């Protein structure tokens, strides 16, 4: 009697599911303490710092003037301002306009730092960790520089536009916290998930990994967005976030490639 060929799939034993996110953060923390990765912190930080200085110098006066003009049409803000002045308190506009200007310009410099990290720092990160943690993981990506650069640019532009368009919602209390978390989760996830894997994985492998690990990737982006709410973290986040996504993605790729198919010859029974 003829039996059909049987396929036996063997997968490398490793941490899977949401636990893999914790493993990626632990490995990233260890890698971040290496002298090379500590030195890599300065490039995106310096770029973001100079970007902030240039943005504040070039756009502070016209932006605050525009915001003052627009604020004259905000009925709720005007009523609250008049009420506070009638009580002998300060003008809310005196502090609201500078805060809004900072809330617009600083994130623009922050996304610039993340974009620099994605394009220029991620290759340094990948060369560092692939030798130490993922030896033998071959590079099978095509047009990686073009794909990574284009992805980083469109994500950065969409982040900037989305941030500006949704800022009026900040006047509704929950959105002042929820919107920054959403947009930074989007930026971290959509930008770094590509750059972390584009040099090593083929197009088919990337699509499979993103579909299989979509929740984990967004969880990583969400955690990093929460950390990003604290200004001291801005110094390390561009490089640390690249390390987290790189560790998670390369480990997922290694486990994917460890899956093998073994053909078992059909067995025959005696007559």
C-alpha atoms as a PDB file:
ATOM      1  CA  UNK A   1       0.000   0.000   0.000  1.00  0.00           C
ATOM      2  CA  UNK A   2       1.354   3.418  -0.996  1.00  0.00           C
ATOM      3  CA  UNK A   3       1.497   6.174   1.611  1.00  0.00           C
ATOM      4  CA  UNK A   4       1.832   9.868   0.737  1.00  0.00           C
ATOM      5  CA  UNK A   5       5.019  11.736   1.725  1.00  0.00           C
ATOM      6  CA  UNK A   6       4.945  13.106   5.261  1.00  0.00           C
ATOM      7  CA  UNK A   7       6.430  16.552   6.182  1.00  0.00           C
ATOM      8  CA  UNK A   8       7.861  16.939   9.660  1.00  0.00           C
ATOM      9  CA  UNK A   9       8.499  20.534  10.718  1.00  0.00           C
ATOM     10  CA  UNK A  10      11.103  21.122  13.430  1.00  0.00           C
ATOM     11  CA  UNK A  11      11.366  24.507  15.041  1.00  0.00           C
ATOM     12  CA  UNK A  12      14.292  25.712  17.064  1.00  0.00           C
ATOM     13  CA  UNK A  13      13.493  25.810  20.751  1.00  0.00           C
ATOM     14  CA  UNK A  14      13.285  29.387  21.925  1.00  0.00           C
ATOM     15  CA  UNK A  15      11.204  31.903  23.803  1.00  0.00           C
ATOM     16  CA  UNK A  16       8.043  32.742  21.899  1.00  0.00           C
ATOM     17  CA  UNK A  17       4.921  34.836  22.355  1.00  0.00           C
ATOM     18  CA  UNK A  18       4.897  37.882  24.576  1.00  0.00           C
ATOM     19  CA  UNK A  19       7.811  36.501  26.618  1.00  0.00           C
ATOM     20  CA  UNK A  20      10.033  37.152  23.608  1.00  0.00           C
ATOM     21  CA  UNK A  21       9.433  40.886  24.108  1.00  0.00           C
ATOM     22  CA  UNK A  22      10.949  40.697  27.594  1.00  0.00           C
ATOM     23  CA  UNK A  23      13.925  38.760  26.248  1.00  0.00           C
ATOM     24  CA  UNK A  24      14.493  41.418  23.578  1.00  0.00           C
ATOM     25  CA  UNK A  25      14.509  44.190  26.191  1.00  0.00           C
ATOM     26  CA  UNK A  26      16.940  42.263  28.411  1.00  0.00           C
ATOM     27  CA  UNK A  27      19.335  41.619  25.534  1.00  0.00           C
ATOM     28  CA  UNK A  28      19.061  45.246  24.414  1.00  0.00           C
ATOM     29  CA  UNK A  29      19.944  46.446  27.915  1.00  0.00           C
ATOM     30  CA  UNK A  30      23.049  44.243  27.959  1.00  0.00           C
ATOM     31  CA  UNK A  31      24.062  45.402  24.480  1.00  0.00           C
ATOM     32  CA  UNK A  32      23.489  49.052  25.377  1.00  0.00           C
ATOM     33  CA  UNK A  33      26.139  48.816  28.091  1.00  0.00           C
ATOM     34  CA  UNK A  34      28.823  47.906  25.542  1.00  0.00           C
ATOM     35  CA  UNK A  35      31.266  50.784  24.833  1.00  0.00           C
ATOM     36  CA  UNK A  36      30.407  50.797  21.103  1.00  0.00           C
ATOM     37  CA  UNK A  37      26.701  51.200  21.809  1.00  0.00           C
ATOM     38  CA  UNK A  38      27.351  53.850  24.447  1.00  0.00           C
ATOM     39  CA  UNK A  39      29.379  55.782  21.883  1.00  0.00           C
ATOM     40  CA  UNK A  40      26.581  55.374  19.339  1.00  0.00           C
ATOM     41  CA  UNK A  41      24.262  57.336  21.640  1.00  0.00           C
ATOM     42  CA  UNK A  42      25.831  60.633  20.701  1.00  0.00           C
ATOM     43  CA  UNK A  43      25.010  60.770  16.989  1.00  0.00           C
ATOM     44  CA  UNK A  44      21.177  60.836  17.189  1.00  0.00           C
ATOM     45  CA  UNK A  45      21.305  62.910  20.384  1.00  0.00           C
ATOM     46  CA  UNK A  46      23.544  65.557  18.808  1.00  0.00           C
ATOM     47  CA  UNK A  47      21.401  65.602  15.651  1.00  0.00           C
ATOM     48  CA  UNK A  48      18.210  65.971  17.714  1.00  0.00           C
ATOM     49  CA  UNK A  49      19.811  68.681  19.875  1.00  0.00           C
ATOM     50  CA  UNK A  50      20.985  70.722  16.904  1.00  0.00           C
ATOM     51  CA  UNK A  51      17.631  70.121  15.237  1.00  0.00           C
ATOM     52  CA  UNK A  52      15.845  71.490  18.296  1.00  0.00           C
ATOM     53  CA  UNK A  53      18.103  74.552  18.418  1.00  0.00           C
ATOM     54  CA  UNK A  54      17.588  75.292  14.720  1.00  0.00           C
ATOM     55  CA  UNK A  55      13.832  74.739  14.912  1.00  0.00           C
ATOM     56  CA  UNK A  56      13.492  76.986  17.969  1.00  0.00           C
ATOM     57  CA  UNK A  57      15.654  79.693  16.417  1.00  0.00           C
ATOM     58  CA  UNK A  58      13.937  79.637  13.031  1.00  0.00           C
ATOM     59  CA  UNK A  59      10.318  78.983  13.920  1.00  0.00           C
ATOM     60  CA  UNK A  60       9.724  80.138  17.511  1.00  0.00           C
ATOM     61  CA  UNK A  61       8.708  83.729  16.691  1.00  0.00           C
ATOM     62  CA  UNK A  62       6.447  82.986  13.684  1.00  0.00           C
ATOM     63  CA  UNK A  63       4.944  79.929  15.382  1.00  0.00           C
ATOM     64  CA  UNK A  64       4.056  81.733  18.621  1.00  0.00           C
ATOM     65  CA  UNK A  65       2.653  84.660  16.610  1.00  0.00           C
ATOM     66  CA  UNK A  66       0.477  82.283  14.600  1.00  0.00           C
ATOM     67  CA  UNK A  67      -0.670  80.483  17.751  1.00  0.00           C
ATOM     68  CA  UNK A  68      -1.598  83.813  19.391  1.00  0.00           C
ATOM     69  CA  UNK A  69      -3.693  84.683  16.347  1.00  0.00           C
ATOM     70  CA  UNK A  70      -5.376  81.293  16.336  1.00  0.00           C
ATOM     71  CA  UNK A  71      -5.954  81.397  20.091  1.00  0.00           C
ATOM     72  CA  UNK A  72      -8.140  84.475  19.668  1.00  0.00           C
ATOM     73  CA  UNK A  73     -10.692  82.182  17.988  1.00  0.00           C
ATOM     74  CA  UNK A  74     -10.686  79.564  20.752  1.00  0.00           C
ATOM     75  CA  UNK A  75     -13.858  80.415  22.678  1.00  0.00           C
ATOM     76  CA  UNK A  76     -13.262  78.107  25.638  1.00  0.00           C
ATOM     77  CA  UNK A  77      -9.687  79.306  26.092  1.00  0.00           C
ATOM     78  CA  UNK A  78     -10.740  82.972  25.857  1.00  0.00           C
ATOM     79  CA  UNK A  79     -13.498  82.536  28.438  1.00  0.00           C
ATOM     80  CA  UNK A  80     -11.153  80.720  30.806  1.00  0.00           C
ATOM     81  CA  UNK A  81      -8.510  83.395  30.295  1.00  0.00           C
ATOM     82  CA  UNK A  82     -10.968  86.204  31.072  1.00  0.00           C
ATOM     83  CA  UNK A  83     -12.241  84.362  34.138  1.00  0.00           C
ATOM     84  CA  UNK A  84      -8.725  83.885  35.520  1.00  0.00           C
ATOM     85  CA  UNK A  85      -7.791  87.517  34.864  1.00  0.00           C
ATOM     86  CA  UNK A  86     -11.006  88.669  36.590  1.00  0.00           C
ATOM     87  CA  UNK A  87      -9.930  86.739  39.655  1.00  0.00           C
ATOM     88  CA  UNK A  88      -6.595  88.516  39.630  1.00  0.00           C
ATOM     89  CA  UNK A  89      -4.716  85.421  38.447  1.00  0.00           C
ATOM     90  CA  UNK A  90      -2.366  85.023  35.504  1.00  0.00           C
ATOM     91  CA  UNK A  91      -3.336  84.853  31.827  1.00  0.00           C
ATOM     92  CA  UNK A  92      -3.558  81.247  30.691  1.00  0.00           C
ATOM     93  CA  UNK A  93      -2.499  82.266  27.184  1.00  0.00           C
ATOM     94  CA  UNK A  94       0.778  83.550  28.581  1.00  0.00           C
ATOM     95  CA  UNK A  95       1.768  79.963  29.368  1.00  0.00           C
ATOM     96  CA  UNK A  96      -0.383  78.020  26.921  1.00  0.00           C
ATOM     97  CA  UNK A  97       1.160  79.463  23.745  1.00  0.00           C
ATOM     98  CA  UNK A  98       4.812  78.699  24.676  1.00  0.00           C
ATOM     99  CA  UNK A  99       3.809  75.188  25.823  1.00  0.00           C
ATOM    100  CA  UNK A 100       2.049  74.538  22.525  1.00  0.00           C
ATOM    101  CA  UNK A 101       5.064  75.814  20.593  1.00  0.00           C
ATOM    102  CA  UNK A 102       7.373  73.515  22.541  1.00  0.00           C
ATOM    103  CA  UNK A 103       4.901  70.671  22.054  1.00  0.00           C
ATOM    104  CA  UNK A 104       5.181  71.174  18.288  1.00  0.00           C
ATOM    105  CA  UNK A 105       8.903  71.819  17.837  1.00  0.00           C
ATOM    106  CA  UNK A 106      10.506  69.343  20.255  1.00  0.00           C
ATOM    107  CA  UNK A 107       8.756  66.251  18.823  1.00  0.00           C
ATOM    108  CA  UNK A 108       9.943  67.340  15.379  1.00  0.00           C
ATOM    109  CA  UNK A 109      13.536  67.238  16.593  1.00  0.00           C
ATOM    110  CA  UNK A 110      12.820  63.929  18.348  1.00  0.00           C
ATOM    111  CA  UNK A 111      11.521  62.242  15.207  1.00  0.00           C
ATOM    112  CA  UNK A 112      14.566  63.604  13.373  1.00  0.00           C
ATOM    113  CA  UNK A 113      16.804  61.882  15.929  1.00  0.00           C
ATOM    114  CA  UNK A 114      14.876  58.618  15.518  1.00  0.00           C
ATOM    115  CA  UNK A 115      15.104  58.889  11.732  1.00  0.00           C
ATOM    116  CA  UNK A 116      18.884  59.355  11.977  1.00  0.00           C
ATOM    117  CA  UNK A 117      19.069  56.341  14.283  1.00  0.00           C
ATOM    118  CA  UNK A 118      17.038  54.227  11.864  1.00  0.00           C
ATOM    119  CA  UNK A 119      19.127  55.116   8.811  1.00  0.00           C
ATOM    120  CA  UNK A 120      22.656  55.508  10.199  1.00  0.00           C
ATOM    121  CA  UNK A 121      22.772  53.926  13.665  1.00  0.00           C
ATOM    122  CA  UNK A 122      20.814  50.741  12.939  1.00  0.00           C
ATOM    123  CA  UNK A 123      23.539  49.363  10.611  1.00  0.00           C
ATOM    124  CA  UNK A 124      26.075  49.866  13.420  1.00  0.00           C
ATOM    125  CA  UNK A 125      23.722  48.113  15.844  1.00  0.00           C
ATOM    126  CA  UNK A 126      23.200  45.192  13.475  1.00  0.00           C
ATOM    127  CA  UNK A 127      26.922  44.704  12.817  1.00  0.00           C
ATOM    128  CA  UNK A 128      27.548  44.723  16.561  1.00  0.00           C
ATOM    129  CA  UNK A 129      24.913  42.247  17.706  1.00  0.00           C
ATOM    130  CA  UNK A 130      24.971  39.847  14.748  1.00  0.00           C
ATOM    131  CA  UNK A 131      28.586  38.891  15.497  1.00  0.00           C
ATOM    132  CA  UNK A 132      28.025  38.524  19.229  1.00  0.00           C
ATOM    133  CA  UNK A 133      24.502  37.121  19.448  1.00  0.00           C
ATOM    134  CA  UNK A 134      23.453  35.831  16.018  1.00  0.00           C
ATOM    135  CA  UNK A 135      26.502  34.310  14.320  1.00  0.00           C
ATOM    136  CA  UNK A 136      25.784  32.563  11.059  1.00  0.00           C
ATOM    137  CA  UNK A 137      22.563  34.479  10.368  1.00  0.00           C
ATOM    138  CA  UNK A 138      23.057  35.297   6.695  1.00  0.00           C
ATOM    139  CA  UNK A 139      22.014  38.556   5.069  1.00  0.00           C
ATOM    140  CA  UNK A 140      19.437  37.922   2.362  1.00  0.00           C
ATOM    141  CA  UNK A 141      17.831  41.361   2.082  1.00  0.00           C
ATOM    142  CA  UNK A 142      17.761  43.212  -1.234  1.00  0.00           C
ATOM    143  CA  UNK A 143      17.881  46.989  -1.764  1.00  0.00           C
ATOM    144  CA  UNK A 144      18.056  47.312   2.017  1.00  0.00           C
ATOM    145  CA  UNK A 145      19.401  50.876   2.039  1.00  0.00           C
ATOM    146  CA  UNK A 146      16.727  52.183  -0.316  1.00  0.00           C
ATOM    147  CA  UNK A 147      13.906  50.307   1.428  1.00  0.00           C
ATOM    148  CA  UNK A 148      15.009  51.376   4.918  1.00  0.00           C
ATOM    149  CA  UNK A 149      15.575  55.015   3.956  1.00  0.00           C
ATOM    150  CA  UNK A 150      12.246  55.375   2.151  1.00  0.00           C
ATOM    151  CA  UNK A 151      10.388  53.739   5.048  1.00  0.00           C
ATOM    152  CA  UNK A 152      12.064  56.011   7.620  1.00  0.00           C
ATOM    153  CA  UNK A 153      11.246  59.129   5.591  1.00  0.00           C
ATOM    154  CA  UNK A 154       7.549  58.396   4.988  1.00  0.00           C
ATOM    155  CA  UNK A 155       7.011  57.339   8.603  1.00  0.00           C
ATOM    156  CA  UNK A 156       8.735  60.516   9.822  1.00  0.00           C
ATOM    157  CA  UNK A 157       6.649  62.730   7.521  1.00  0.00           C
ATOM    158  CA  UNK A 158       3.389  61.019   8.480  1.00  0.00           C
ATOM    159  CA  UNK A 159       4.306  61.309  12.174  1.00  0.00           C
ATOM    160  CA  UNK A 160       4.946  65.048  11.808  1.00  0.00           C
ATOM    161  CA  UNK A 161       1.714  65.682   9.904  1.00  0.00           C
ATOM    162  CA  UNK A 162      -0.357  63.497  12.227  1.00  0.00           C
ATOM    163  CA  UNK A 163       1.127  65.156  15.304  1.00  0.00           C
ATOM    164  CA  UNK A 164       0.283  68.643  14.030  1.00  0.00           C
ATOM    165  CA  UNK A 165      -3.207  67.787  12.784  1.00  0.00           C
ATOM    166  CA  UNK A 166      -4.272  66.094  16.032  1.00  0.00           C
ATOM    167  CA  UNK A 167      -2.789  68.679  18.418  1.00  0.00           C
ATOM    168  CA  UNK A 168      -6.106  70.579  18.829  1.00  0.00           C
ATOM    169  CA  UNK A 169      -7.457  67.426  20.495  1.00  0.00           C
ATOM    170  CA  UNK A 170      -4.947  67.979  23.306  1.00  0.00           C
ATOM    171  CA  UNK A 171      -7.452  70.432  24.793  1.00  0.00           C
ATOM    172  CA  UNK A 172      -9.573  67.385  25.642  1.00  0.00           C
ATOM    173  CA  UNK A 173      -7.730  66.065  28.732  1.00  0.00           C
ATOM    174  CA  UNK A 174      -7.284  62.330  27.908  1.00  0.00           C
ATOM    175  CA  UNK A 175      -5.892  63.026  24.447  1.00  0.00           C
ATOM    176  CA  UNK A 176      -3.038  65.140  25.795  1.00  0.00           C
ATOM    177  CA  UNK A 177      -1.489  61.848  26.975  1.00  0.00           C
ATOM    178  CA  UNK A 178      -3.048  59.298  24.606  1.00  0.00           C
ATOM    179  CA  UNK A 179      -2.098  61.023  21.357  1.00  0.00           C
ATOM    180  CA  UNK A 180       1.659  61.305  22.087  1.00  0.00           C
ATOM    181  CA  UNK A 181       1.690  57.640  23.112  1.00  0.00           C
ATOM    182  CA  UNK A 182      -0.141  56.661  19.924  1.00  0.00           C
ATOM    183  CA  UNK A 183       2.064  58.646  17.552  1.00  0.00           C
ATOM    184  CA  UNK A 184       5.328  57.575  19.172  1.00  0.00           C
ATOM    185  CA  UNK A 185       4.160  53.943  19.200  1.00  0.00           C
ATOM    186  CA  UNK A 186       3.490  54.328  15.492  1.00  0.00           C
ATOM    187  CA  UNK A 187       6.898  55.914  14.850  1.00  0.00           C
ATOM    188  CA  UNK A 188       8.911  53.353  16.810  1.00  0.00           C
ATOM    189  CA  UNK A 189       7.071  50.347  15.406  1.00  0.00           C
ATOM    190  CA  UNK A 190       6.650  51.258  11.746  1.00  0.00           C
ATOM    191  CA  UNK A 191      10.108  52.758  11.388  1.00  0.00           C
ATOM    192  CA  UNK A 192      12.308  50.333  13.318  1.00  0.00           C
ATOM    193  CA  UNK A 193      10.593  47.047  12.474  1.00  0.00           C
ATOM    194  CA  UNK A 194      11.766  47.573   8.886  1.00  0.00           C
ATOM    195  CA  UNK A 195      15.322  48.758   9.545  1.00  0.00           C
ATOM    196  CA  UNK A 196      15.899  46.006  12.108  1.00  0.00           C
ATOM    197  CA  UNK A 197      15.340  43.206   9.596  1.00  0.00           C
ATOM    198  CA  UNK A 198      15.645  44.623   6.079  1.00  0.00           C
ATOM    199  CA  UNK A 199      19.337  43.717   5.690  1.00  0.00           C
ATOM    200  CA  UNK A 200      18.930  40.102   6.814  1.00  0.00           C
ATOM    201  CA  UNK A 201      15.474  38.980   5.712  1.00  0.00           C
ATOM    202  CA  UNK A 202      14.098  38.573   2.229  1.00  0.00           C
ATOM    203  CA  UNK A 203      10.845  40.297   1.308  1.00  0.00           C
ATOM    204  CA  UNK A 204       8.873  37.110   1.882  1.00  0.00           C
ATOM    205  CA  UNK A 205      10.511  36.540   5.266  1.00  0.00           C
ATOM    206  CA  UNK A 206       9.778  40.115   6.343  1.00  0.00           C
ATOM    207  CA  UNK A 207       6.098  39.855   5.491  1.00  0.00           C
ATOM    208  CA  UNK A 208       5.820  36.535   7.303  1.00  0.00           C
ATOM    209  CA  UNK A 209       7.577  37.824  10.415  1.00  0.00           C
ATOM    210  CA  UNK A 210       5.507  41.009  10.567  1.00  0.00           C
ATOM    211  CA  UNK A 211       2.283  39.048  10.208  1.00  0.00           C
ATOM    212  CA  UNK A 212       3.321  36.474  12.798  1.00  0.00           C
ATOM    213  CA  UNK A 213       4.721  38.934  15.357  1.00  0.00           C
ATOM    214  CA  UNK A 214       2.560  41.998  14.760  1.00  0.00           C
ATOM    215  CA  UNK A 215       1.264  42.180  18.348  1.00  0.00           C
ATOM    216  CA  UNK A 216       4.725  41.797  19.853  1.00  0.00           C
ATOM    217  CA  UNK A 217       6.175  44.497  17.604  1.00  0.00           C
ATOM    218  CA  UNK A 218       3.419  46.940  18.522  1.00  0.00           C
ATOM    219  CA  UNK A 219       3.853  46.077  22.206  1.00  0.00           C
ATOM    220  CA  UNK A 220       7.541  46.974  21.938  1.00  0.00           C
ATOM    221  CA  UNK A 221       6.631  50.266  20.268  1.00  0.00           C
ATOM    222  CA  UNK A 222       4.019  50.983  22.949  1.00  0.00           C
ATOM    223  CA  UNK A 223       6.473  50.331  25.808  1.00  0.00           C
ATOM    224  CA  UNK A 224       9.083  52.580  24.202  1.00  0.00           C
ATOM    225  CA  UNK A 225       6.438  55.291  23.693  1.00  0.00           C
ATOM    226  CA  UNK A 226       5.603  55.158  27.406  1.00  0.00           C
ATOM    227  CA  UNK A 227       9.285  55.487  28.304  1.00  0.00           C
ATOM    228  CA  UNK A 228       9.511  58.390  25.852  1.00  0.00           C
ATOM    229  CA  UNK A 229       7.149  60.404  28.068  1.00  0.00           C
ATOM    230  CA  UNK A 230      10.071  60.967  30.447  1.00  0.00           C
ATOM    231  CA  UNK A 231      12.558  63.519  29.015  1.00  0.00           C
ATOM    232  CA  UNK A 232      15.744  61.923  30.511  1.00  0.00           C
ATOM    233  CA  UNK A 233      15.056  58.850  28.365  1.00  0.00           C
ATOM    234  CA  UNK A 234      15.413  60.893  25.175  1.00  0.00           C
ATOM    235  CA  UNK A 235      19.195  60.558  25.413  1.00  0.00           C
ATOM    236  CA  UNK A 236      19.216  56.770  25.070  1.00  0.00           C
ATOM    237  CA  UNK A 237      15.950  55.884  23.342  1.00  0.00           C
ATOM    238  CA  UNK A 238      17.019  56.253  19.683  1.00  0.00           C
ATOM    239  CA  UNK A 239      19.794  53.659  20.072  1.00  0.00           C
ATOM    240  CA  UNK A 240      18.118  51.530  22.747  1.00  0.00           C
ATOM    241  CA  UNK A 241      14.932  51.236  20.692  1.00  0.00           C
ATOM    242  CA  UNK A 242      17.031  50.147  17.683  1.00  0.00           C
ATOM    243  CA  UNK A 243      18.646  47.476  19.878  1.00  0.00           C
ATOM    244  CA  UNK A 244      15.304  46.167  21.132  1.00  0.00           C
ATOM    245  CA  UNK A 245      13.800  45.860  17.658  1.00  0.00           C
ATOM    246  CA  UNK A 246      17.019  44.370  16.269  1.00  0.00           C
ATOM    247  CA  UNK A 247      17.250  41.705  18.983  1.00  0.00           C
ATOM    248  CA  UNK A 248      13.588  40.787  18.651  1.00  0.00           C
ATOM    249  CA  UNK A 249      13.619  40.687  14.858  1.00  0.00           C
ATOM    250  CA  UNK A 250      16.878  38.781  14.424  1.00  0.00           C
ATOM    251  CA  UNK A 251      15.839  36.195  17.004  1.00  0.00           C
ATOM    252  CA  UNK A 252      12.496  35.768  15.257  1.00  0.00           C
ATOM    253  CA  UNK A 253      14.298  35.393  11.922  1.00  0.00           C
ATOM    254  CA  UNK A 254      16.699  32.838  13.375  1.00  0.00           C
ATOM    255  CA  UNK A 255      13.823  30.756  14.680  1.00  0.00           C
ATOM    256  CA  UNK A 256      11.995  31.069  11.377  1.00  0.00           C
ATOM    257  CA  UNK A 257      14.980  29.769   9.442  1.00  0.00           C
ATOM    258  CA  UNK A 258      15.465  26.970  11.949  1.00  0.00           C
ATOM    259  CA  UNK A 259      12.208  25.503  10.749  1.00  0.00           C
ATOM    260  CA  UNK A 260      13.096  22.690   8.374  1.00  0.00           C
ATOM    261  CA  UNK A 261      11.071  20.280   6.322  1.00  0.00           C
ATOM    262  CA  UNK A 262      12.159  16.661   6.274  1.00  0.00           C
ATOM    263  CA  UNK A 263      10.702  14.333   3.687  1.00  0.00           C
ATOM    264  CA  UNK A 264      10.018  10.865   5.013  1.00  0.00           C
ATOM    265  CA  UNK A 265      10.201   8.134   2.425  1.00  0.00           C
ATOM    266  CA  UNK A 266       6.971   6.182   2.074  1.00  0.00           C
ATOM    267  CA  UNK A 267       7.003   2.832   3.784  1.00  0.00           C
ATOM    268  CA  UNK A 268       5.717  -0.296   2.185  1.00  0.00           C
ATOM    269  CA  UNK A 269       4.075  -3.176   3.899  1.00  0.00           C
ATOM    270  CA  UNK A 270       4.610  -6.741   2.876  1.00  0.00           C
ATOM    271  CA  UNK A 271       2.250  -8.462   0.457  1.00  0.00           C
END
